[in-house]
N, C-alpha and C. Protein backbone atom coordinates (compact mmCIF):
# COMPACT_ATOMS: atom_id res chain seq x y z
N UNK A 1 7.57 8.99 11.06
CA UNK A 1 6.99 9.08 12.39
C UNK A 1 6.09 10.32 12.46
N UNK A 2 4.93 10.16 13.06
CA UNK A 2 4.01 11.27 13.23
C UNK A 2 4.56 12.25 14.27
N UNK A 3 4.31 13.53 14.09
CA UNK A 3 4.78 14.54 15.03
C UNK A 3 4.26 14.27 16.44
N UNK A 4 2.98 13.98 16.56
CA UNK A 4 2.36 13.71 17.85
C UNK A 4 2.95 12.47 18.50
N UNK A 5 3.30 11.50 17.67
CA UNK A 5 3.87 10.24 18.15
C UNK A 5 5.13 10.48 18.98
N UNK A 6 6.03 11.35 18.51
CA UNK A 6 7.28 11.64 19.21
C UNK A 6 7.03 12.31 20.56
N UNK A 7 6.00 13.13 20.62
CA UNK A 7 5.71 13.89 21.84
C UNK A 7 4.96 13.08 22.90
N UNK A 8 4.28 12.04 22.50
CA UNK A 8 3.38 11.30 23.39
C UNK A 8 3.95 9.96 23.86
N UNK A 9 4.61 9.23 22.97
CA UNK A 9 5.00 7.85 23.27
C UNK A 9 6.34 7.78 23.99
N UNK A 10 6.31 7.08 25.12
CA UNK A 10 7.52 6.87 25.92
C UNK A 10 8.35 5.72 25.34
N UNK A 11 7.68 4.59 25.06
CA UNK A 11 8.39 3.43 24.50
C UNK A 11 7.39 2.50 23.83
N UNK A 12 7.91 1.63 22.97
CA UNK A 12 7.10 0.62 22.29
C UNK A 12 6.96 -0.58 23.22
N UNK A 13 5.73 -0.95 23.48
CA UNK A 13 5.45 -2.08 24.36
C UNK A 13 5.40 -3.39 23.56
N UNK A 14 4.68 -3.37 22.43
CA UNK A 14 4.59 -4.54 21.56
C UNK A 14 4.78 -4.09 20.12
N UNK A 15 5.76 -4.68 19.44
CA UNK A 15 6.05 -4.33 18.06
C UNK A 15 5.00 -4.92 17.13
N UNK A 16 5.01 -4.47 15.90
CA UNK A 16 4.11 -5.00 14.89
C UNK A 16 4.33 -6.51 14.74
N UNK A 17 5.56 -6.94 14.74
CA UNK A 17 5.88 -8.36 14.60
C UNK A 17 5.34 -9.17 15.78
N UNK A 18 5.52 -8.66 17.01
CA UNK A 18 4.99 -9.36 18.19
C UNK A 18 3.47 -9.48 18.12
N UNK A 19 2.81 -8.42 17.67
CA UNK A 19 1.35 -8.44 17.54
C UNK A 19 0.91 -9.47 16.51
N UNK A 20 1.59 -9.52 15.38
CA UNK A 20 1.22 -10.47 14.34
C UNK A 20 1.34 -11.91 14.82
N UNK A 21 2.42 -12.23 15.54
CA UNK A 21 2.62 -13.58 16.06
C UNK A 21 1.53 -13.93 17.07
N UNK A 22 1.26 -13.01 17.99
CA UNK A 22 0.26 -13.27 19.04
C UNK A 22 -1.13 -13.43 18.44
N UNK A 23 -1.48 -12.60 17.49
CA UNK A 23 -2.81 -12.68 16.88
C UNK A 23 -2.98 -13.98 16.11
N UNK A 24 -1.92 -14.46 15.49
CA UNK A 24 -1.97 -15.77 14.82
C UNK A 24 -2.24 -16.86 15.85
N UNK A 25 -1.56 -16.80 17.02
CA UNK A 25 -1.80 -17.76 18.10
C UNK A 25 -3.25 -17.71 18.57
N UNK A 26 -3.80 -16.52 18.69
CA UNK A 26 -5.18 -16.36 19.14
C UNK A 26 -6.17 -16.89 18.11
N UNK A 27 -5.86 -16.73 16.83
CA UNK A 27 -6.75 -17.29 15.79
C UNK A 27 -6.75 -18.82 15.84
N UNK A 28 -5.61 -19.41 16.18
CA UNK A 28 -5.55 -20.88 16.34
C UNK A 28 -6.45 -21.30 17.49
N UNK A 29 -6.45 -20.54 18.58
CA UNK A 29 -7.34 -20.83 19.71
C UNK A 29 -8.80 -20.76 19.27
N UNK A 30 -9.15 -19.73 18.48
CA UNK A 30 -10.53 -19.61 17.99
C UNK A 30 -10.88 -20.82 17.14
N UNK A 31 -10.01 -21.19 16.22
CA UNK A 31 -10.27 -22.34 15.34
C UNK A 31 -10.48 -23.62 16.13
N UNK A 32 -9.66 -23.85 17.15
CA UNK A 32 -9.80 -25.06 17.98
C UNK A 32 -11.06 -25.00 18.84
N UNK A 33 -11.29 -23.87 19.47
CA UNK A 33 -12.43 -23.72 20.37
C UNK A 33 -13.76 -23.89 19.65
N UNK A 34 -13.84 -23.40 18.43
CA UNK A 34 -15.12 -23.40 17.71
C UNK A 34 -15.14 -24.34 16.51
N UNK A 35 -14.26 -25.35 16.50
CA UNK A 35 -14.16 -26.24 15.33
C UNK A 35 -15.47 -26.93 14.99
N UNK A 36 -16.34 -27.14 15.97
CA UNK A 36 -17.62 -27.81 15.71
C UNK A 36 -18.80 -26.85 15.67
N UNK A 37 -18.54 -25.58 15.72
CA UNK A 37 -19.63 -24.59 15.72
C UNK A 37 -20.23 -24.44 14.32
N UNK A 38 -21.53 -24.39 14.29
CA UNK A 38 -22.24 -24.16 13.02
C UNK A 38 -22.78 -22.74 12.93
N UNK A 39 -22.78 -22.02 14.07
CA UNK A 39 -23.35 -20.67 14.10
C UNK A 39 -22.51 -19.75 14.98
N UNK A 40 -21.28 -19.49 14.55
CA UNK A 40 -20.40 -18.61 15.32
C UNK A 40 -20.55 -17.18 14.84
N UNK A 41 -20.85 -16.31 15.78
CA UNK A 41 -20.88 -14.88 15.48
C UNK A 41 -19.76 -14.22 16.28
N UNK A 42 -18.89 -13.53 15.57
CA UNK A 42 -17.74 -12.86 16.17
C UNK A 42 -18.07 -11.36 16.20
N UNK A 43 -18.07 -10.81 17.42
CA UNK A 43 -18.50 -9.42 17.62
C UNK A 43 -17.31 -8.58 18.02
N UNK A 44 -17.02 -7.57 17.22
CA UNK A 44 -15.95 -6.62 17.53
C UNK A 44 -16.51 -5.42 18.26
N UNK A 45 -15.83 -5.00 19.33
CA UNK A 45 -16.24 -3.79 20.05
C UNK A 45 -15.44 -2.62 19.49
N UNK A 46 -16.15 -1.70 18.89
CA UNK A 46 -15.52 -0.55 18.23
C UNK A 46 -15.32 0.59 19.21
N UNK A 47 -14.34 1.40 18.99
CA UNK A 47 -13.48 1.49 17.84
C UNK A 47 -12.17 0.75 18.07
N UNK A 48 -11.77 0.59 19.30
CA UNK A 48 -10.44 0.10 19.63
C UNK A 48 -10.08 -1.27 19.12
N UNK A 49 -11.05 -2.19 19.03
CA UNK A 49 -10.71 -3.56 18.63
C UNK A 49 -10.55 -3.72 17.12
N UNK A 50 -10.84 -2.69 16.36
CA UNK A 50 -10.90 -2.84 14.90
C UNK A 50 -9.63 -3.44 14.27
N UNK A 51 -8.42 -2.92 14.53
CA UNK A 51 -7.24 -3.54 13.91
C UNK A 51 -7.03 -4.99 14.35
N UNK A 52 -7.20 -5.27 15.64
CA UNK A 52 -7.07 -6.63 16.17
C UNK A 52 -8.11 -7.54 15.53
N UNK A 53 -9.35 -7.11 15.50
CA UNK A 53 -10.45 -7.87 14.92
C UNK A 53 -10.17 -8.20 13.45
N UNK A 54 -9.78 -7.18 12.68
CA UNK A 54 -9.53 -7.36 11.24
C UNK A 54 -8.41 -8.37 10.99
N UNK A 55 -7.36 -8.29 11.77
CA UNK A 55 -6.25 -9.22 11.59
C UNK A 55 -6.63 -10.63 12.07
N UNK A 56 -7.35 -10.71 13.16
CA UNK A 56 -7.75 -12.00 13.73
C UNK A 56 -8.61 -12.80 12.75
N UNK A 57 -9.63 -12.17 12.19
CA UNK A 57 -10.57 -12.93 11.35
C UNK A 57 -9.94 -13.44 10.06
N UNK A 58 -8.84 -12.83 9.63
CA UNK A 58 -8.16 -13.29 8.42
C UNK A 58 -7.60 -14.70 8.59
N UNK A 59 -7.35 -15.10 9.83
CA UNK A 59 -6.77 -16.43 10.08
C UNK A 59 -7.77 -17.39 10.71
N UNK A 60 -9.02 -17.02 10.76
CA UNK A 60 -10.06 -17.94 11.24
C UNK A 60 -10.52 -18.76 10.05
N UNK A 61 -10.43 -20.08 10.16
CA UNK A 61 -10.73 -20.93 9.01
C UNK A 61 -12.05 -21.71 9.14
N UNK A 62 -12.96 -21.18 9.96
CA UNK A 62 -14.31 -21.73 10.03
C UNK A 62 -15.28 -20.64 9.62
N UNK A 63 -16.49 -21.03 9.25
CA UNK A 63 -17.48 -20.03 8.85
C UNK A 63 -17.90 -19.19 10.05
N UNK A 64 -17.93 -17.89 9.83
CA UNK A 64 -18.34 -16.98 10.89
C UNK A 64 -19.27 -15.91 10.32
N UNK A 65 -20.04 -15.34 11.23
CA UNK A 65 -20.80 -14.12 10.96
C UNK A 65 -20.09 -13.04 11.76
N UNK A 66 -19.88 -11.88 11.17
CA UNK A 66 -19.27 -10.80 11.94
C UNK A 66 -20.29 -9.71 12.23
N UNK A 67 -20.12 -9.10 13.36
CA UNK A 67 -20.99 -8.00 13.77
C UNK A 67 -20.17 -7.07 14.66
N UNK A 68 -20.73 -5.91 14.95
CA UNK A 68 -20.02 -4.92 15.75
C UNK A 68 -20.96 -4.25 16.74
N UNK A 69 -20.37 -3.80 17.82
CA UNK A 69 -21.04 -2.92 18.77
C UNK A 69 -20.10 -1.75 19.01
N UNK A 70 -20.68 -0.59 19.22
CA UNK A 70 -19.87 0.55 19.65
C UNK A 70 -20.24 0.83 21.09
N UNK A 71 -19.24 0.74 21.94
CA UNK A 71 -19.39 0.89 23.38
C UNK A 71 -18.38 1.92 23.83
N UNK A 72 -18.79 2.82 24.70
CA UNK A 72 -17.88 3.87 25.16
C UNK A 72 -17.81 3.89 26.68
N UNK A 73 -16.58 3.95 27.18
CA UNK A 73 -16.39 4.11 28.62
C UNK A 73 -15.36 5.16 28.95
N UNK A 74 -14.53 5.54 28.00
CA UNK A 74 -13.48 6.53 28.26
C UNK A 74 -13.84 7.91 27.76
N UNK A 75 -14.67 8.01 26.75
CA UNK A 75 -15.03 9.32 26.22
C UNK A 75 -13.86 10.08 25.63
N UNK A 76 -12.83 9.37 25.14
CA UNK A 76 -11.69 10.01 24.51
C UNK A 76 -10.60 10.42 25.47
N UNK A 77 -10.79 10.24 26.75
CA UNK A 77 -9.78 10.62 27.73
C UNK A 77 -8.86 9.48 28.08
N UNK A 78 -8.26 9.57 29.26
CA UNK A 78 -7.31 8.55 29.70
C UNK A 78 -7.78 7.80 30.93
N UNK A 79 -8.96 8.12 31.43
CA UNK A 79 -9.46 7.39 32.59
C UNK A 79 -10.91 6.98 32.38
N UNK A 80 -11.24 5.83 32.93
CA UNK A 80 -12.58 5.27 32.82
C UNK A 80 -13.37 5.75 34.03
N UNK A 81 -14.39 6.58 33.80
CA UNK A 81 -15.16 7.14 34.92
C UNK A 81 -16.23 6.19 35.44
N UNK A 82 -16.36 5.03 34.82
CA UNK A 82 -17.32 4.05 35.30
C UNK A 82 -18.62 4.01 34.51
N UNK A 83 -18.91 5.05 33.74
CA UNK A 83 -20.13 5.02 32.94
C UNK A 83 -19.85 4.31 31.62
N UNK A 84 -20.75 3.42 31.25
CA UNK A 84 -20.60 2.65 30.02
C UNK A 84 -21.83 2.90 29.17
N UNK A 85 -21.60 3.30 27.92
CA UNK A 85 -22.71 3.59 27.02
C UNK A 85 -22.67 2.67 25.81
N UNK A 86 -23.82 2.08 25.47
CA UNK A 86 -23.95 1.32 24.23
C UNK A 86 -24.40 2.33 23.18
N UNK A 87 -23.52 2.61 22.24
CA UNK A 87 -23.80 3.62 21.23
C UNK A 87 -24.40 2.97 19.97
N UNK A 88 -23.90 1.78 19.62
CA UNK A 88 -24.42 1.05 18.47
C UNK A 88 -24.56 -0.42 18.87
N UNK A 89 -25.75 -0.94 18.74
CA UNK A 89 -26.02 -2.33 19.12
C UNK A 89 -25.84 -3.24 17.90
N UNK A 90 -25.94 -4.53 18.13
CA UNK A 90 -25.77 -5.53 17.08
C UNK A 90 -26.83 -5.44 16.00
N UNK A 91 -26.46 -5.85 14.81
CA UNK A 91 -27.41 -5.95 13.71
C UNK A 91 -28.02 -7.35 13.64
N UNK A 92 -27.32 -8.35 14.22
CA UNK A 92 -27.74 -9.76 14.15
C UNK A 92 -28.33 -10.25 15.45
N UNK A 93 -29.24 -11.19 15.32
CA UNK A 93 -29.82 -11.89 16.47
C UNK A 93 -28.80 -12.95 16.91
N UNK A 94 -28.57 -13.09 18.21
CA UNK A 94 -27.58 -14.05 18.71
C UNK A 94 -28.21 -15.24 19.44
N UNK A 95 -29.50 -15.35 19.45
CA UNK A 95 -30.17 -16.48 20.12
C UNK A 95 -29.66 -17.79 19.52
N UNK A 96 -29.25 -18.71 20.41
CA UNK A 96 -28.77 -20.04 20.03
C UNK A 96 -27.53 -20.03 19.12
N UNK A 97 -26.77 -18.95 19.14
CA UNK A 97 -25.52 -18.88 18.39
C UNK A 97 -24.36 -18.89 19.36
N UNK A 98 -23.23 -19.39 18.90
CA UNK A 98 -21.99 -19.27 19.66
C UNK A 98 -21.49 -17.84 19.47
N UNK A 99 -21.26 -17.15 20.57
CA UNK A 99 -20.87 -15.74 20.52
C UNK A 99 -19.45 -15.59 21.06
N UNK A 100 -18.60 -14.93 20.26
CA UNK A 100 -17.26 -14.57 20.68
C UNK A 100 -17.12 -13.06 20.56
N UNK A 101 -16.94 -12.39 21.70
CA UNK A 101 -16.73 -10.95 21.70
C UNK A 101 -15.23 -10.70 21.63
N UNK A 102 -14.82 -9.85 20.70
CA UNK A 102 -13.41 -9.49 20.52
C UNK A 102 -13.24 -8.05 21.00
N UNK A 103 -12.40 -7.90 22.01
CA UNK A 103 -12.18 -6.60 22.66
C UNK A 103 -10.71 -6.23 22.54
N UNK A 104 -10.42 -4.94 22.62
CA UNK A 104 -9.03 -4.50 22.58
C UNK A 104 -8.35 -4.67 23.93
N UNK A 105 -9.01 -4.23 25.01
CA UNK A 105 -8.42 -4.32 26.34
C UNK A 105 -9.52 -4.50 27.38
N UNK A 106 -9.23 -5.32 28.38
CA UNK A 106 -10.09 -5.38 29.55
C UNK A 106 -9.30 -4.74 30.67
N UNK A 107 -9.79 -3.60 31.11
CA UNK A 107 -9.11 -2.76 32.09
C UNK A 107 -9.86 -2.87 33.42
N UNK A 108 -10.81 -2.00 33.67
CA UNK A 108 -11.58 -2.06 34.92
C UNK A 108 -12.53 -3.25 34.94
N UNK A 109 -12.92 -3.71 33.76
CA UNK A 109 -13.87 -4.81 33.63
C UNK A 109 -15.31 -4.33 33.52
N UNK A 110 -15.56 -3.06 33.77
CA UNK A 110 -16.93 -2.54 33.77
C UNK A 110 -17.58 -2.61 32.39
N UNK A 111 -16.84 -2.28 31.35
CA UNK A 111 -17.41 -2.33 30.01
C UNK A 111 -17.80 -3.76 29.65
N UNK A 112 -16.86 -4.69 29.86
CA UNK A 112 -17.16 -6.08 29.50
C UNK A 112 -18.24 -6.68 30.38
N UNK A 113 -18.32 -6.28 31.62
CA UNK A 113 -19.39 -6.78 32.48
C UNK A 113 -20.75 -6.34 31.93
N UNK A 114 -20.86 -5.08 31.52
CA UNK A 114 -22.13 -4.58 30.98
C UNK A 114 -22.46 -5.27 29.65
N UNK A 115 -21.47 -5.36 28.77
CA UNK A 115 -21.68 -6.01 27.47
C UNK A 115 -22.04 -7.49 27.67
N UNK A 116 -21.33 -8.16 28.56
CA UNK A 116 -21.60 -9.58 28.82
C UNK A 116 -23.01 -9.80 29.34
N UNK A 117 -23.40 -9.00 30.32
CA UNK A 117 -24.75 -9.14 30.88
C UNK A 117 -25.81 -8.91 29.81
N UNK A 118 -25.61 -7.89 28.99
CA UNK A 118 -26.56 -7.59 27.92
C UNK A 118 -26.65 -8.74 26.92
N UNK A 119 -25.50 -9.21 26.44
CA UNK A 119 -25.51 -10.24 25.42
C UNK A 119 -25.96 -11.60 25.96
N UNK A 120 -25.58 -11.95 27.16
CA UNK A 120 -26.03 -13.22 27.75
C UNK A 120 -27.54 -13.23 27.95
N UNK A 121 -28.14 -12.07 28.18
CA UNK A 121 -29.60 -12.00 28.35
C UNK A 121 -30.35 -12.30 27.05
N UNK A 122 -29.61 -12.33 25.94
CA UNK A 122 -30.22 -12.62 24.63
C UNK A 122 -30.13 -14.10 24.26
N UNK A 123 -29.74 -14.93 25.22
CA UNK A 123 -29.75 -16.39 25.09
C UNK A 123 -28.88 -16.97 23.97
N UNK A 124 -27.60 -16.63 23.97
CA UNK A 124 -26.72 -17.30 23.01
C UNK A 124 -26.49 -18.74 23.44
N UNK A 125 -26.08 -19.58 22.51
CA UNK A 125 -25.74 -20.97 22.83
C UNK A 125 -24.51 -21.01 23.74
N UNK A 126 -23.50 -20.21 23.40
CA UNK A 126 -22.30 -20.08 24.23
C UNK A 126 -21.83 -18.64 24.14
N UNK A 127 -21.02 -18.25 25.12
CA UNK A 127 -20.54 -16.87 25.17
C UNK A 127 -19.11 -16.85 25.69
N UNK A 128 -18.20 -16.24 24.93
CA UNK A 128 -16.80 -16.11 25.36
C UNK A 128 -16.29 -14.72 24.98
N UNK A 129 -15.23 -14.33 25.68
CA UNK A 129 -14.59 -13.04 25.43
C UNK A 129 -13.11 -13.27 25.16
N UNK A 130 -12.64 -12.69 24.08
CA UNK A 130 -11.23 -12.71 23.68
C UNK A 130 -10.76 -11.26 23.63
N UNK A 131 -9.68 -10.96 24.36
CA UNK A 131 -9.15 -9.60 24.35
C UNK A 131 -7.67 -9.63 24.00
N UNK A 132 -7.21 -8.59 23.32
CA UNK A 132 -5.80 -8.50 22.98
C UNK A 132 -4.98 -8.21 24.24
N UNK A 133 -5.41 -7.22 25.03
CA UNK A 133 -4.68 -6.86 26.24
C UNK A 133 -5.55 -7.09 27.48
N UNK A 134 -4.93 -7.58 28.52
CA UNK A 134 -5.60 -7.81 29.79
C UNK A 134 -4.84 -7.01 30.85
N UNK A 135 -5.60 -6.27 31.67
CA UNK A 135 -5.01 -5.42 32.70
C UNK A 135 -5.67 -5.73 34.04
N UNK A 136 -5.43 -6.94 34.60
CA UNK A 136 -6.15 -7.37 35.80
C UNK A 136 -5.85 -6.52 37.04
N UNK A 137 -4.70 -5.88 37.07
CA UNK A 137 -4.34 -5.07 38.24
C UNK A 137 -5.22 -3.83 38.40
N UNK A 138 -6.01 -3.51 37.38
CA UNK A 138 -6.85 -2.32 37.41
C UNK A 138 -8.34 -2.66 37.52
N UNK A 139 -8.69 -3.93 37.77
CA UNK A 139 -10.09 -4.35 37.82
C UNK A 139 -10.85 -3.65 38.93
N UNK A 140 -12.05 -3.21 38.57
CA UNK A 140 -12.98 -2.64 39.54
C UNK A 140 -14.14 -3.60 39.80
N UNK A 141 -14.34 -4.54 38.88
CA UNK A 141 -15.37 -5.57 39.01
C UNK A 141 -14.72 -6.92 38.71
N UNK A 142 -15.38 -7.98 39.10
CA UNK A 142 -14.84 -9.32 38.86
C UNK A 142 -15.20 -9.76 37.44
N UNK A 143 -14.22 -9.70 36.57
CA UNK A 143 -14.44 -10.15 35.20
C UNK A 143 -13.11 -10.62 34.63
N UNK A 144 -13.11 -11.80 34.06
CA UNK A 144 -11.92 -12.33 33.40
C UNK A 144 -12.27 -12.80 32.00
N UNK A 145 -11.42 -12.48 31.02
CA UNK A 145 -11.67 -12.96 29.67
C UNK A 145 -11.43 -14.47 29.57
N UNK A 146 -11.99 -15.08 28.57
CA UNK A 146 -11.74 -16.50 28.33
C UNK A 146 -10.34 -16.71 27.75
N UNK A 147 -9.85 -15.72 27.01
CA UNK A 147 -8.52 -15.79 26.41
C UNK A 147 -8.02 -14.37 26.20
N UNK A 148 -6.71 -14.18 26.38
CA UNK A 148 -6.12 -12.87 26.09
C UNK A 148 -4.75 -13.04 25.45
N UNK A 149 -4.31 -11.96 24.81
CA UNK A 149 -3.01 -11.98 24.14
C UNK A 149 -1.87 -11.65 25.07
N UNK A 150 -1.90 -10.44 25.62
CA UNK A 150 -0.83 -9.96 26.49
C UNK A 150 -1.42 -9.39 27.77
N UNK A 151 -0.67 -9.48 28.85
CA UNK A 151 -1.06 -8.84 30.10
C UNK A 151 -0.18 -7.60 30.29
N UNK A 152 -0.81 -6.49 30.70
CA UNK A 152 -0.04 -5.27 30.93
C UNK A 152 -0.23 -4.78 32.36
N UNK A 153 0.66 -3.86 32.77
CA UNK A 153 0.66 -3.34 34.13
C UNK A 153 -0.35 -2.21 34.30
N UNK A 154 -0.71 -1.98 35.54
CA UNK A 154 -1.70 -0.95 35.89
C UNK A 154 -1.30 0.44 35.40
N UNK A 155 -0.03 0.77 35.46
CA UNK A 155 0.40 2.13 35.13
C UNK A 155 0.70 2.35 33.65
N UNK A 156 0.37 1.40 32.80
CA UNK A 156 0.65 1.54 31.37
C UNK A 156 -0.62 1.97 30.63
N UNK A 157 -0.61 3.20 30.10
CA UNK A 157 -1.69 3.67 29.23
C UNK A 157 -1.17 3.58 27.81
N UNK A 158 -1.82 2.78 26.99
CA UNK A 158 -1.28 2.44 25.68
C UNK A 158 -2.00 3.15 24.53
N UNK A 159 -1.26 3.30 23.43
CA UNK A 159 -1.79 3.85 22.19
C UNK A 159 -1.24 3.04 21.03
N UNK A 160 -1.91 3.17 19.89
CA UNK A 160 -1.51 2.47 18.68
C UNK A 160 -2.29 1.18 18.52
N UNK A 161 -2.33 0.68 17.30
CA UNK A 161 -3.02 -0.56 16.95
C UNK A 161 -4.45 -0.57 17.47
N UNK A 162 -5.12 0.57 17.30
CA UNK A 162 -6.53 0.71 17.71
C UNK A 162 -6.72 1.49 18.98
N UNK A 163 -5.72 1.51 19.85
CA UNK A 163 -5.80 2.26 21.11
C UNK A 163 -5.52 3.72 20.82
N UNK A 164 -6.27 4.59 21.48
CA UNK A 164 -6.14 6.01 21.16
C UNK A 164 -5.78 6.86 22.38
N UNK A 165 -5.33 8.04 22.08
CA UNK A 165 -5.19 9.11 23.06
C UNK A 165 -5.94 10.28 22.46
N UNK A 166 -7.05 10.65 23.07
CA UNK A 166 -7.92 11.72 22.56
C UNK A 166 -8.30 11.47 21.10
N UNK A 167 -8.63 10.21 20.79
CA UNK A 167 -9.06 9.74 19.47
C UNK A 167 -7.94 9.74 18.42
N UNK A 168 -6.70 9.96 18.83
CA UNK A 168 -5.57 10.00 17.88
C UNK A 168 -4.65 8.82 18.13
N UNK A 169 -3.79 8.55 17.15
CA UNK A 169 -2.73 7.54 17.17
C UNK A 169 -3.23 6.10 17.07
N UNK A 170 -4.49 5.89 16.73
CA UNK A 170 -5.01 4.53 16.57
C UNK A 170 -4.32 3.79 15.42
N UNK A 171 -3.84 4.51 14.43
CA UNK A 171 -3.33 3.89 13.20
C UNK A 171 -1.90 3.37 13.31
N UNK A 172 -1.24 3.56 14.43
CA UNK A 172 0.13 3.07 14.57
C UNK A 172 0.15 1.55 14.48
N UNK A 173 1.17 0.97 13.83
CA UNK A 173 1.23 -0.48 13.65
C UNK A 173 1.75 -1.24 14.87
N UNK A 174 2.03 -0.55 15.93
CA UNK A 174 2.54 -1.15 17.17
C UNK A 174 1.75 -0.58 18.34
N UNK A 175 2.00 -1.11 19.54
CA UNK A 175 1.38 -0.58 20.76
C UNK A 175 2.48 0.07 21.59
N UNK A 176 2.30 1.35 21.87
CA UNK A 176 3.26 2.09 22.68
C UNK A 176 2.63 2.57 23.97
N UNK A 177 3.48 2.94 24.92
CA UNK A 177 3.04 3.45 26.21
C UNK A 177 3.21 4.96 26.22
N UNK A 178 2.15 5.65 26.66
CA UNK A 178 2.19 7.11 26.74
C UNK A 178 3.09 7.54 27.90
N UNK A 179 3.80 8.64 27.69
CA UNK A 179 4.66 9.21 28.74
C UNK A 179 3.82 9.55 29.97
N UNK A 180 4.35 9.27 31.13
CA UNK A 180 3.63 9.50 32.39
C UNK A 180 3.23 10.97 32.58
N UNK A 181 4.07 11.88 32.12
CA UNK A 181 3.75 13.30 32.29
C UNK A 181 2.54 13.73 31.44
N UNK A 182 2.27 13.02 30.36
CA UNK A 182 1.09 13.30 29.53
C UNK A 182 -0.17 12.88 30.29
N UNK A 183 -0.13 11.73 30.93
CA UNK A 183 -1.27 11.20 31.67
C UNK A 183 -1.55 12.09 32.88
N UNK A 184 -0.52 12.63 33.48
CA UNK A 184 -0.68 13.43 34.70
C UNK A 184 -1.38 14.77 34.43
N UNK A 185 -1.41 15.19 33.18
CA UNK A 185 -2.03 16.50 32.84
C UNK A 185 -3.52 16.49 33.04
């Protein structure tokens, strides 16, 4: 166990085993949804979606193109101030392609709203969003993913499996909830 892990994490929300089962279920959804697609591009939003994205694509059994965007809304902290920055844009053209954006969490919805508007303006054939965690109780804008893995509560700030606290603890194989007293600081 990491030293910081003991000081920060209150409890494990989703174990490594639970994540593996859910991600397998989500890959089945991708395979069914896009079984007839000839031009599927799967876009991971970095950095948080990386572990989810990497595990998900291993079980996708149709041809895909992968790409990434780096989008920032938290700036390494624990609250989303509403500003969304596109730090790294796509390398591939998405015109007339089926686009699936893979996100770690949809919280306020502001990041996905901005990314969705940007990508839809590039005329994809279809556009969907798949997120590992959904936090509808914290929405600031009207946005719902097409598919999600788990729903979490408004007061849960998570770390591990790509989620960070001040850019740390992303490498944990599970998702844990940060102690409330850490968030209050």
